[in-house]
Amino acid sequence: MQYESIFFSVPKGALIDELDDEITQSTEWNYHAIAIQDQTGYYLWGKGVSLKISPSDLIEVIKYPYLTTDSMAFKFHQQINIIRNLSNIGSMHIAK
């Protein structure tokens, strides 16, 4: 098995205002993920979620781990959040 740590983040720049600065510093938008290759395939693991991905997507995420709307990293960030939200729905309790 081979793996590589990736840091997903929002690009930071001089033109970001105070509101966006909160986003660029948050753990929701800046976190470590792990790219994994084993005998069964290629995976991306982040925030407790594992996604099976293609070799070309894995390379793209490693090369460009920034969460911009046109990046592969952002696509996987969205998938991770969807899966996390769906798993939270199953564990919610209905108040009586």
Protein backbone atom coordinates (compact mmCIF):
# COMPACT_ATOMS: atom_id res chain seq x y z
CA MET A 1 0.00 0.00 0.00
CA GLN A 2 1.19 3.50 -0.82
CA TYR A 3 -0.22 6.72 0.56
CA GLU A 4 0.38 10.44 0.49
CA SER A 5 -0.94 13.20 2.73
CA ILE A 6 -2.73 16.06 0.96
CA PHE A 7 -3.79 19.37 2.49
CA PHE A 8 -7.05 20.60 0.99
CA SER A 9 -7.36 24.36 1.30
CA VAL A 10 -8.99 27.47 -0.06
CA PRO A 11 -6.51 29.62 -1.98
CA LYS A 12 -5.49 32.69 -0.04
CA GLY A 13 -4.76 36.05 -1.58
CA ALA A 14 -4.31 39.72 -0.82
CA LEU A 15 -7.80 40.64 -2.06
CA ILE A 16 -9.70 38.48 0.43
CA ASP A 17 -11.92 40.50 2.77
CA GLU A 18 -12.58 39.74 6.45
CA LEU A 19 -15.62 37.51 5.81
CA ASP A 20 -13.76 35.33 3.35
CA ASP A 21 -10.78 35.24 5.70
CA GLU A 22 -12.93 33.31 8.21
CA ILE A 23 -13.57 30.73 5.51
CA THR A 24 -9.93 30.48 4.50
CA GLN A 25 -8.96 29.78 8.13
CA SER A 26 -11.75 27.30 8.99
CA THR A 27 -11.25 23.57 9.44
CA GLU A 28 -14.33 23.01 7.27
CA TRP A 29 -12.38 24.28 4.25
CA ASN A 30 -8.79 23.46 5.27
CA TYR A 31 -7.97 19.90 6.27
CA HIS A 32 -5.71 16.95 5.64
CA ALA A 33 -6.77 14.08 3.41
CA ILE A 34 -4.91 10.96 2.39
CA ALA A 35 -4.47 9.60 -1.13
CA ILE A 36 -4.15 5.81 -1.02
CA GLN A 37 -3.17 3.20 -3.59
CA ASP A 38 -3.49 -0.48 -2.71
CA GLN A 39 -4.16 -3.77 -4.51
CA THR A 40 -7.86 -2.96 -4.90
CA GLY A 41 -7.57 0.55 -6.35
CA TYR A 42 -7.14 4.23 -5.61
CA TYR A 43 -8.85 6.04 -2.74
CA LEU A 44 -9.14 9.43 -1.16
CA TRP A 45 -9.80 9.55 2.58
CA GLY A 46 -10.83 12.76 4.34
CA LYS A 47 -12.98 13.71 7.33
CA GLY A 48 -13.68 10.03 8.04
CA VAL A 49 -14.95 9.29 4.53
CA SER A 50 -13.28 7.07 1.94
CA LEU A 51 -13.93 7.57 -1.79
CA LYS A 52 -12.79 5.24 -4.55
CA ILE A 53 -11.32 7.36 -7.34
CA SER A 54 -9.57 6.91 -10.67
CA PRO A 55 -5.78 7.10 -11.00
CA SER A 56 -6.04 10.28 -13.10
CA ASP A 57 -8.28 11.96 -10.51
CA LEU A 58 -5.82 10.99 -7.79
CA ILE A 59 -2.96 12.62 -9.70
CA GLU A 60 -5.01 15.77 -10.28
CA VAL A 61 -5.91 16.07 -6.59
CA ILE A 62 -2.29 15.61 -5.52
CA LYS A 63 -1.07 18.21 -8.03
CA TYR A 64 -3.80 20.78 -7.27
CA PRO A 65 -5.35 20.32 -3.79
CA TYR A 66 -7.06 23.73 -3.75
CA LEU A 67 -10.79 24.01 -3.23
CA THR A 68 -11.74 26.12 -6.22
CA THR A 69 -15.02 25.60 -8.06
CA ASP A 70 -13.34 24.02 -11.08
CA SER A 71 -10.96 21.70 -9.22
CA MET A 72 -11.17 17.95 -8.71
CA ALA A 73 -10.33 18.58 -5.03
CA PHE A 74 -13.52 20.64 -4.68
CA LYS A 75 -15.56 17.88 -6.33
CA PHE A 76 -14.28 15.37 -3.77
CA HIS A 77 -14.74 17.89 -0.94
CA GLN A 78 -18.43 18.15 -1.92
CA GLN A 79 -18.79 14.35 -2.10
CA ILE A 80 -17.21 13.97 1.33
CA ASN A 81 -19.62 16.52 2.81
CA ILE A 82 -22.65 14.86 1.18
CA ILE A 83 -21.70 11.45 2.58
CA ARG A 84 -21.05 12.94 6.03
CA ASN A 85 -24.42 14.72 5.99
CA LEU A 86 -26.24 11.56 4.90
CA SER A 87 -24.62 9.54 7.68
CA ASN A 88 -25.63 12.24 10.20
CA ILE A 89 -29.26 11.97 9.07
CA GLY A 90 -29.28 8.29 10.00
CA SER A 91 -28.05 9.06 13.52
CA MET A 92 -30.49 11.90 14.26
CA HIS A 93 -33.13 11.39 16.95
CA ILE A 94 -36.66 12.66 16.49
CA ALA A 95 -37.93 14.63 19.49
CA LYS A 96 -41.19 13.34 20.94
